[in-house]
Amino acid sequence: KFPEAVRAFTEAVREEPGNLWFEWSKSLENPNEFVLVEAFTDEGAEPHVKSDHFAAGLESMRPHLATTPKIISRKIDGEGWDEMGELKID
């Protein structure tokens, strides 16, 4: 249910010019828990939260939420993922 409810929102966000990534993961321990990892350029963050599809996306999630979502918001350098040095595959 939840993945379908956020599909249009996810697709719209991924098309935003300032979006670097927008990825959902499902918890291995709790099948009703999803984690969203998203990143935007400095210029892309504000237009993202002010977009019509952001507002619509929040409303599409609301009926599926048992509690207020938790968030960690940090500004980091870079525009992509780094390789994990502890698990290098050649």
PDB file of N, CA and C in Angstrom:
ATOM      1  N   LYS A   1       0.812  -1.202   0.000  1.00  0.00           N
ATOM      2  CA  LYS A   1       0.000   0.000   0.000  1.00  0.00           C
ATOM      3  C   LYS A   1       0.855   1.266   0.000  1.00  0.00           C
ATOM      4  N   PHE A   2       1.765   1.368   0.951  1.00  0.00           N
ATOM      5  CA  PHE A   2       2.548   2.598   1.067  1.00  0.00           C
ATOM      6  C   PHE A   2       3.382   2.887  -0.183  1.00  0.00           C
ATOM      7  N   PRO A   3       4.120   1.901  -0.719  1.00  0.00           N
ATOM      8  CA  PRO A   3       4.900   2.207  -1.926  1.00  0.00           C
ATOM      9  C   PRO A   3       4.040   2.750  -3.069  1.00  0.00           C
ATOM     10  N   GLU A   4       2.866   2.211  -3.240  1.00  0.00           N
ATOM     11  CA  GLU A   4       1.977   2.724  -4.292  1.00  0.00           C
ATOM     12  C   GLU A   4       1.484   4.125  -3.965  1.00  0.00           C
ATOM     13  N   ALA A   5       1.253   4.388  -2.690  1.00  0.00           N
ATOM     14  CA  ALA A   5       0.750   5.705  -2.282  1.00  0.00           C
ATOM     15  C   ALA A   5       1.766   6.811  -2.548  1.00  0.00           C
ATOM     16  N   VAL A   6       3.050   6.477  -2.495  1.00  0.00           N
ATOM     17  CA  VAL A   6       4.084   7.508  -2.686  1.00  0.00           C
ATOM     18  C   VAL A   6       4.753   7.441  -4.058  1.00  0.00           C
ATOM     19  N   ARG A   7       4.266   6.590  -4.936  1.00  0.00           N
ATOM     20  CA  ARG A   7       4.909   6.417  -6.247  1.00  0.00           C
ATOM     21  C   ARG A   7       4.937   7.707  -7.059  1.00  0.00           C
ATOM     22  N   ALA A   8       3.816   8.380  -7.207  1.00  0.00           N
ATOM     23  CA  ALA A   8       3.770   9.613  -8.012  1.00  0.00           C
ATOM     24  C   ALA A   8       4.653  10.693  -7.389  1.00  0.00           C
ATOM     25  N   PHE A   9       4.603  10.804  -6.076  1.00  0.00           N
ATOM     26  CA  PHE A   9       5.447  11.766  -5.365  1.00  0.00           C
ATOM     27  C   PHE A   9       6.924  11.470  -5.618  1.00  0.00           C
ATOM     28  N   THR A  10       7.304  10.217  -5.479  1.00  0.00           N
ATOM     29  CA  THR A  10       8.692   9.805  -5.681  1.00  0.00           C
ATOM     30  C   THR A  10       9.157  10.129  -7.093  1.00  0.00           C
ATOM     31  N   GLU A  11       8.347   9.798  -8.075  1.00  0.00           N
ATOM     32  CA  GLU A  11       8.711  10.068  -9.470  1.00  0.00           C
ATOM     33  C   GLU A  11       8.851  11.562  -9.725  1.00  0.00           C
ATOM     34  N   ALA A  12       7.957  12.364  -9.162  1.00  0.00           N
ATOM     35  CA  ALA A  12       8.026  13.819  -9.351  1.00  0.00           C
ATOM     36  C   ALA A  12       9.281  14.400  -8.711  1.00  0.00           C
ATOM     37  N   VAL A  13       9.607  13.948  -7.510  1.00  0.00           N
ATOM     38  CA  VAL A  13      10.797  14.463  -6.821  1.00  0.00           C
ATOM     39  C   VAL A  13      12.059  14.091  -7.588  1.00  0.00           C
ATOM     40  N   ARG A  14      12.127  12.878  -8.088  1.00  0.00           N
ATOM     41  CA  ARG A  14      13.318  12.448  -8.828  1.00  0.00           C
ATOM     42  C   ARG A  14      13.538  13.264 -10.098  1.00  0.00           C
ATOM     43  N   GLU A  15      12.497  13.904 -10.596  1.00  0.00           N
ATOM     44  CA  GLU A  15      12.603  14.753 -11.787  1.00  0.00           C
ATOM     45  C   GLU A  15      13.003  16.191 -11.459  1.00  0.00           C
ATOM     46  N   GLU A  16      13.024  16.548 -10.190  1.00  0.00           N
ATOM     47  CA  GLU A  16      13.388  17.914  -9.810  1.00  0.00           C
ATOM     48  C   GLU A  16      14.842  18.193 -10.195  1.00  0.00           C
ATOM     49  N   PRO A  17      15.123  19.387 -10.735  1.00  0.00           N
ATOM     50  CA  PRO A  17      16.491  19.715 -11.143  1.00  0.00           C
ATOM     51  C   PRO A  17      17.517  19.619 -10.014  1.00  0.00           C
ATOM     52  N   GLY A  18      17.139  19.922  -8.791  1.00  0.00           N
ATOM     53  CA  GLY A  18      18.088  19.912  -7.685  1.00  0.00           C
ATOM     54  C   GLY A  18      18.163  18.612  -6.914  1.00  0.00           C
ATOM     55  N   ASN A  19      17.434  17.582  -7.345  1.00  0.00           N
ATOM     56  CA  ASN A  19      17.447  16.313  -6.627  1.00  0.00           C
ATOM     57  C   ASN A  19      18.680  15.506  -7.000  1.00  0.00           C
ATOM     58  N   LEU A  20      19.423  15.058  -5.996  1.00  0.00           N
ATOM     59  CA  LEU A  20      20.587  14.203  -6.224  1.00  0.00           C
ATOM     60  C   LEU A  20      20.212  12.735  -6.092  1.00  0.00           C
ATOM     61  N   TRP A  21      19.411  12.401  -5.082  1.00  0.00           N
ATOM     62  CA  TRP A  21      18.853  11.060  -4.951  1.00  0.00           C
ATOM     63  C   TRP A  21      17.661  11.098  -4.021  1.00  0.00           C
ATOM     64  N   PHE A  22      16.806  10.102  -4.196  1.00  0.00           N
ATOM     65  CA  PHE A  22      15.558   9.997  -3.435  1.00  0.00           C
ATOM     66  C   PHE A  22      15.207   8.518  -3.409  1.00  0.00           C
ATOM     67  N   GLU A  23      15.599   7.822  -2.345  1.00  0.00           N
ATOM     68  CA  GLU A  23      15.505   6.364  -2.290  1.00  0.00           C
ATOM     69  C   GLU A  23      14.787   5.884  -1.037  1.00  0.00           C
ATOM     70  N   TRP A  24      13.794   5.032  -1.228  1.00  0.00           N
ATOM     71  CA  TRP A  24      13.066   4.417  -0.126  1.00  0.00           C
ATOM     72  C   TRP A  24      13.659   3.044   0.169  1.00  0.00           C
ATOM     73  N   SER A  25      13.707   2.669   1.447  1.00  0.00           N
ATOM     74  CA  SER A  25      14.096   1.330   1.874  1.00  0.00           C
ATOM     75  C   SER A  25      13.086   0.845   2.899  1.00  0.00           C
ATOM     76  N   LYS A  26      12.863  -0.454   2.894  1.00  0.00           N
ATOM     77  CA  LYS A  26      11.934  -1.063   3.849  1.00  0.00           C
ATOM     78  C   LYS A  26      12.740  -1.756   4.943  1.00  0.00           C
ATOM     79  N   SER A  27      12.350  -1.566   6.183  1.00  0.00           N
ATOM     80  CA  SER A  27      13.032  -2.175   7.319  1.00  0.00           C
ATOM     81  C   SER A  27      12.992  -3.697   7.227  1.00  0.00           C
ATOM     82  N   LEU A  28      14.098  -4.334   7.589  1.00  0.00           N
ATOM     83  CA  LEU A  28      14.131  -5.792   7.634  1.00  0.00           C
ATOM     84  C   LEU A  28      13.407  -6.325   8.862  1.00  0.00           C
ATOM     85  N   GLU A  29      13.369  -5.533   9.936  1.00  0.00           N
ATOM     86  CA  GLU A  29      12.741  -5.961  11.182  1.00  0.00           C
ATOM     87  C   GLU A  29      11.259  -5.625  11.254  1.00  0.00           C
ATOM     88  N   ASN A  30      10.867  -4.511  10.667  1.00  0.00           N
ATOM     89  CA  ASN A  30       9.482  -4.050  10.767  1.00  0.00           C
ATOM     90  C   ASN A  30       8.937  -3.796   9.363  1.00  0.00           C
ATOM     91  N   PRO A  31       8.072  -4.663   8.866  1.00  0.00           N
ATOM     92  CA  PRO A  31       7.576  -4.520   7.498  1.00  0.00           C
ATOM     93  C   PRO A  31       6.729  -3.265   7.268  1.00  0.00           C
ATOM     94  N   ASN A  32       6.368  -2.586   8.341  1.00  0.00           N
ATOM     95  CA  ASN A  32       5.583  -1.353   8.210  1.00  0.00           C
ATOM     96  C   ASN A  32       6.437  -0.093   8.339  1.00  0.00           C
ATOM     97  N   GLU A  33       7.756  -0.258   8.387  1.00  0.00           N
ATOM     98  CA  GLU A  33       8.649   0.890   8.544  1.00  0.00           C
ATOM     99  C   GLU A  33       9.463   1.099   7.265  1.00  0.00           C
ATOM    100  N   PHE A  34       9.437   2.331   6.779  1.00  0.00           N
ATOM    101  CA  PHE A  34      10.193   2.706   5.588  1.00  0.00           C
ATOM    102  C   PHE A  34      11.140   3.839   5.942  1.00  0.00           C
ATOM    103  N   VAL A  35      12.295   3.849   5.299  1.00  0.00           N
ATOM    104  CA  VAL A  35      13.291   4.901   5.491  1.00  0.00           C
ATOM    105  C   VAL A  35      13.508   5.576   4.145  1.00  0.00           C
ATOM    106  N   LEU A  36      13.531   6.891   4.165  1.00  0.00           N
ATOM    107  CA  LEU A  36      13.780   7.672   2.956  1.00  0.00           C
ATOM    108  C   LEU A  36      15.132   8.357   3.087  1.00  0.00           C
ATOM    109  N   VAL A  37      16.000   8.130   2.123  1.00  0.00           N
ATOM    110  CA  VAL A  37      17.286   8.817   2.048  1.00  0.00           C
ATOM    111  C   VAL A  37      17.211   9.713   0.820  1.00  0.00           C
ATOM    112  N   GLU A  38      17.320  11.011   1.051  1.00  0.00           N
ATOM    113  CA  GLU A  38      17.185  11.964  -0.048  1.00  0.00           C
ATOM    114  C   GLU A  38      18.264  13.023   0.052  1.00  0.00           C
ATOM    115  N   ALA A  39      18.625  13.590  -1.089  1.00  0.00           N
ATOM    116  CA  ALA A  39      19.626  14.656  -1.109  1.00  0.00           C
ATOM    117  C   ALA A  39      19.302  15.626  -2.231  1.00  0.00           C
ATOM    118  N   PHE A  40      19.597  16.887  -1.950  1.00  0.00           N
ATOM    119  CA  PHE A  40      19.337  17.962  -2.905  1.00  0.00           C
ATOM    120  C   PHE A  40      20.534  18.896  -2.950  1.00  0.00           C
ATOM    121  N   THR A  41      20.704  19.566  -4.065  1.00  0.00           N
ATOM    122  CA  THR A  41      21.689  20.634  -4.134  1.00  0.00           C
ATOM    123  C   THR A  41      21.221  21.760  -3.222  1.00  0.00           C
ATOM    124  N   ASP A  42      22.126  22.664  -2.889  1.00  0.00           N
ATOM    125  CA  ASP A  42      21.742  23.815  -2.064  1.00  0.00           C
ATOM    126  C   ASP A  42      20.592  24.578  -2.707  1.00  0.00           C
ATOM    127  N   GLU A  43      20.643  24.709  -4.018  1.00  0.00           N
ATOM    128  CA  GLU A  43      19.610  25.457  -4.737  1.00  0.00           C
ATOM    129  C   GLU A  43      18.310  24.669  -4.872  1.00  0.00           C
ATOM    130  N   GLY A  44      18.376  23.354  -4.733  1.00  0.00           N
ATOM    131  CA  GLY A  44      17.201  22.524  -4.957  1.00  0.00           C
ATOM    132  C   GLY A  44      16.349  22.252  -3.736  1.00  0.00           C
ATOM    133  N   ALA A  45      16.891  22.467  -2.546  1.00  0.00           N
ATOM    134  CA  ALA A  45      16.171  22.100  -1.324  1.00  0.00           C
ATOM    135  C   ALA A  45      14.911  22.932  -1.109  1.00  0.00           C
ATOM    136  N   GLU A  46      15.024  24.235  -1.208  1.00  0.00           N
ATOM    137  CA  GLU A  46      13.861  25.088  -0.946  1.00  0.00           C
ATOM    138  C   GLU A  46      12.749  24.900  -1.978  1.00  0.00           C
ATOM    139  N   PRO A  47      13.066  24.889  -3.279  1.00  0.00           N
ATOM    140  CA  PRO A  47      11.987  24.636  -4.246  1.00  0.00           C
ATOM    141  C   PRO A  47      11.308  23.284  -4.026  1.00  0.00           C
ATOM    142  N   HIS A  48      12.065  22.304  -3.537  1.00  0.00           N
ATOM    143  CA  HIS A  48      11.491  20.984  -3.266  1.00  0.00           C
ATOM    144  C   HIS A  48      10.361  21.079  -2.242  1.00  0.00           C
ATOM    145  N   VAL A  49      10.635  21.690  -1.085  1.00  0.00           N
ATOM    146  CA  VAL A  49       9.617  21.734  -0.031  1.00  0.00           C
ATOM    147  C   VAL A  49       8.497  22.727  -0.327  1.00  0.00           C
ATOM    148  N   LYS A  50       8.689  23.586  -1.308  1.00  0.00           N
ATOM    149  CA  LYS A  50       7.644  24.543  -1.684  1.00  0.00           C
ATOM    150  C   LYS A  50       6.835  24.086  -2.897  1.00  0.00           C
ATOM    151  N   SER A  51       7.163  22.916  -3.442  1.00  0.00           N
ATOM    152  CA  SER A  51       6.488  22.446  -4.652  1.00  0.00           C
ATOM    153  C   SER A  51       5.092  21.904  -4.348  1.00  0.00           C
ATOM    154  N   ASP A  52       4.240  21.972  -5.342  1.00  0.00           N
ATOM    155  CA  ASP A  52       2.889  21.416  -5.209  1.00  0.00           C
ATOM    156  C   ASP A  52       2.943  19.912  -4.979  1.00  0.00           C
ATOM    157  N   HIS A  53       3.857  19.224  -5.669  1.00  0.00           N
ATOM    158  CA  HIS A  53       3.911  17.768  -5.495  1.00  0.00           C
ATOM    159  C   HIS A  53       4.448  17.376  -4.117  1.00  0.00           C
ATOM    160  N   PHE A  54       5.216  18.251  -3.453  1.00  0.00           N
ATOM    161  CA  PHE A  54       5.640  17.984  -2.077  1.00  0.00           C
ATOM    162  C   PHE A  54       4.419  17.986  -1.158  1.00  0.00           C
ATOM    163  N   ALA A  55       3.598  19.017  -1.279  1.00  0.00           N
ATOM    164  CA  ALA A  55       2.375  19.103  -0.460  1.00  0.00           C
ATOM    165  C   ALA A  55       1.460  17.914  -0.733  1.00  0.00           C
ATOM    166  N   ALA A  56       1.299  17.567  -2.001  1.00  0.00           N
ATOM    167  CA  ALA A  56       0.454  16.423  -2.359  1.00  0.00           C
ATOM    168  C   ALA A  56       1.056  15.121  -1.838  1.00  0.00           C
ATOM    169  N   GLY A  57       2.380  15.016  -1.885  1.00  0.00           N
ATOM    170  CA  GLY A  57       3.050  13.816  -1.392  1.00  0.00           C
ATOM    171  C   GLY A  57       2.850  13.613   0.095  1.00  0.00           C
ATOM    172  N   LEU A  58       2.928  14.700   0.860  1.00  0.00           N
ATOM    173  CA  LEU A  58       2.683  14.589   2.300  1.00  0.00           C
ATOM    174  C   LEU A  58       1.273  14.089   2.568  1.00  0.00           C
ATOM    175  N   GLU A  59       0.322  14.599   1.830  1.00  0.00           N
ATOM    176  CA  GLU A  59      -1.069  14.169   2.022  1.00  0.00           C
ATOM    177  C   GLU A  59      -1.269  12.717   1.593  1.00  0.00           C
ATOM    178  N   SER A  60      -0.533  12.260   0.579  1.00  0.00           N
ATOM    179  CA  SER A  60      -0.654  10.857   0.157  1.00  0.00           C
ATOM    180  C   SER A  60      -0.090   9.913   1.213  1.00  0.00           C
ATOM    181  N   MET A  61       0.872  10.389   2.000  1.00  0.00           N
ATOM    182  CA  MET A  61       1.463   9.572   3.066  1.00  0.00           C
ATOM    183  C   MET A  61       0.604   9.535   4.320  1.00  0.00           C
ATOM    184  N   ARG A  62      -0.051  10.643   4.618  1.00  0.00           N
ATOM    185  CA  ARG A  62      -0.743  10.822   5.895  1.00  0.00           C
ATOM    186  C   ARG A  62      -1.626   9.632   6.311  1.00  0.00           C
ATOM    187  N   PRO A  63      -2.466   9.079   5.444  1.00  0.00           N
ATOM    188  CA  PRO A  63      -3.329   7.972   5.883  1.00  0.00           C
ATOM    189  C   PRO A  63      -2.568   6.693   6.245  1.00  0.00           C
ATOM    190  N   HIS A  64      -1.313   6.609   5.844  1.00  0.00           N
ATOM    191  CA  HIS A  64      -0.523   5.396   6.078  1.00  0.00           C
ATOM    192  C   HIS A  64       0.400   5.505   7.284  1.00  0.00           C
ATOM    193  N   LEU A  65       0.401   6.650   7.956  1.00  0.00           N
ATOM    194  CA  LEU A  65       1.323   6.878   9.065  1.00  0.00           C
ATOM    195  C   LEU A  65       0.661   6.639  10.417  1.00  0.00           C
ATOM    196  N   ALA A  66       1.364   5.910  11.287  1.00  0.00           N
ATOM    197  CA  ALA A  66       0.879   5.678  12.649  1.00  0.00           C
ATOM    198  C   ALA A  66       1.399   6.749  13.600  1.00  0.00           C
ATOM    199  N   THR A  67       2.561   7.333  13.269  1.00  0.00           N
ATOM    200  CA  THR A  67       3.175   8.373  14.094  1.00  0.00           C
ATOM    201  C   THR A  67       3.806   9.426  13.179  1.00  0.00           C
ATOM    202  N   THR A  68       4.164  10.548  13.772  1.00  0.00           N
ATOM    203  CA  THR A  68       4.864  11.591  13.028  1.00  0.00           C
ATOM    204  C   THR A  68       6.223  11.054  12.583  1.00  0.00           C
ATOM    205  N   PRO A  69       6.576  11.199  11.311  1.00  0.00           N
ATOM    206  CA  PRO A  69       7.879  10.706  10.845  1.00  0.00           C
ATOM    207  C   PRO A  69       9.046  11.395  11.554  1.00  0.00           C
ATOM    208  N   LYS A  70      10.114  10.652  11.724  1.00  0.00           N
ATOM    209  CA  LYS A  70      11.363  11.181  12.284  1.00  0.00           C
ATOM    210  C   LYS A  70      12.242  11.643  11.124  1.00  0.00           C
ATOM    211  N   ILE A  71      13.108  12.637  11.384  1.00  0.00           N
ATOM    212  CA  ILE A  71      13.968  13.158  10.331  1.00  0.00           C
ATOM    213  C   ILE A  71      15.342  13.502  10.896  1.00  0.00           C
ATOM    214  N   ILE A  72      16.360  13.259  10.094  1.00  0.00           N
ATOM    215  CA  ILE A  72      17.705  13.770  10.342  1.00  0.00           C
ATOM    216  C   ILE A  72      18.020  14.625   9.131  1.00  0.00           C
ATOM    217  N   SER A  73      18.282  15.882   9.347  1.00  0.00           N
ATOM    218  CA  SER A  73      18.559  16.806   8.247  1.00  0.00           C
ATOM    219  C   SER A  73      19.948  17.405   8.444  1.00  0.00           C
ATOM    220  N   ARG A  74      20.830  17.147   7.503  1.00  0.00           N
ATOM    221  CA  ARG A  74      22.206  17.630   7.600  1.00  0.00           C
ATOM    222  C   ARG A  74      22.677  18.126   6.240  1.00  0.00           C
ATOM    223  N   LYS A  75      23.510  19.136   6.274  1.00  0.00           N
ATOM    224  CA  LYS A  75      24.162  19.611   5.067  1.00  0.00           C
ATOM    225  C   LYS A  75      25.531  18.943   5.001  1.00  0.00           C
ATOM    226  N   ILE A  76      25.822  18.300   3.869  1.00  0.00           N
ATOM    227  CA  ILE A  76      27.103  17.617   3.702  1.00  0.00           C
ATOM    228  C   ILE A  76      27.745  18.049   2.394  1.00  0.00           C
ATOM    229  N   ASP A  77      29.057  17.917   2.339  1.00  0.00           N
ATOM    230  CA  ASP A  77      29.774  18.194   1.103  1.00  0.00           C
ATOM    231  C   ASP A  77      29.644  16.998   0.166  1.00  0.00           C
ATOM    232  N   GLY A  78      29.676  17.273  -1.117  1.00  0.00           N
ATOM    233  CA  GLY A  78      29.643  16.197  -2.101  1.00  0.00           C
ATOM    234  C   GLY A  78      28.311  16.124  -2.813  1.00  0.00           C
ATOM    235  N   GLU A  79      28.307  15.371  -3.887  1.00  0.00           N
ATOM    236  CA  GLU A  79      27.089  15.213  -4.686  1.00  0.00           C
ATOM    237  C   GLU A  79      26.799  13.754  -4.999  1.00  0.00           C
ATOM    238  N   GLY A  80      27.411  12.852  -4.277  1.00  0.00           N
ATOM    239  CA  GLY A  80      27.179  11.434  -4.526  1.00  0.00           C
ATOM    240  C   GLY A  80      27.728  10.602  -3.385  1.00  0.00           C
ATOM    241  N   TRP A  81      27.555   9.304  -3.522  1.00  0.00           N
ATOM    242  CA  TRP A  81      28.019   8.373  -2.505  1.00  0.00           C
ATOM    243  C   TRP A  81      29.509   8.124  -2.674  1.00  0.00           C
ATOM    244  N   ASP A  82      30.212   7.909  -1.569  1.00  0.00           N
ATOM    245  CA  ASP A  82      31.610   7.491  -1.588  1.00  0.00           C
ATOM    246  C   ASP A  82      31.660   5.977  -1.432  1.00  0.00           C
ATOM    247  N   GLU A  83      32.765   5.371  -1.878  1.00  0.00           N
ATOM    248  CA  GLU A  83      32.934   3.938  -1.681  1.00  0.00           C
ATOM    249  C   GLU A  83      33.211   3.648  -0.207  1.00  0.00           C
ATOM    250  N   MET A  84      32.752   2.497   0.251  1.00  0.00           N
ATOM    251  CA  MET A  84      33.000   2.062   1.624  1.00  0.00           C
ATOM    252  C   MET A  84      34.383   1.421   1.685  1.00  0.00           C
ATOM    253  N   GLY A  85      35.323   2.092   2.336  1.00  0.00           N
ATOM    254  CA  GLY A  85      36.699   1.617   2.394  1.00  0.00           C
ATOM    255  C   GLY A  85      36.864   0.297   3.117  1.00  0.00           C
ATOM    256  N   GLU A  86      35.997   0.010   4.079  1.00  0.00           N
ATOM    257  CA  GLU A  86      36.090  -1.221   4.869  1.00  0.00           C
ATOM    258  C   GLU A  86      35.608  -2.452   4.109  1.00  0.00           C
ATOM    259  N   LEU A  87      34.960  -2.254   2.968  1.00  0.00           N
ATOM    260  CA  LEU A  87      34.421  -3.388   2.214  1.00  0.00           C
ATOM    261  C   LEU A  87      34.697  -3.185   0.727  1.00  0.00           C
ATOM    262  N   LYS A  88      35.952  -2.973   0.409  1.00  0.00           N
ATOM    263  CA  LYS A  88      36.364  -2.695  -0.965  1.00  0.00           C
ATOM    264  C   LYS A  88      36.261  -3.974  -1.798  1.00  0.00           C
ATOM    265  N   ILE A  89      35.612  -3.875  -2.936  1.00  0.00           N
ATOM    266  CA  ILE A  89      35.492  -4.992  -3.874  1.00  0.00           C
ATOM    267  C   ILE A  89      36.239  -4.601  -5.145  1.00  0.00           C
ATOM    268  N   ASP A  90      37.227  -5.408  -5.525  1.00  0.00           N
ATOM    269  CA  ASP A  90      38.015  -5.095  -6.729  1.00  0.00           C
ATOM    270  C   ASP A  90      37.451  -5.766  -7.960  1.00  0.00           C
TER     271      ASP A  90
END
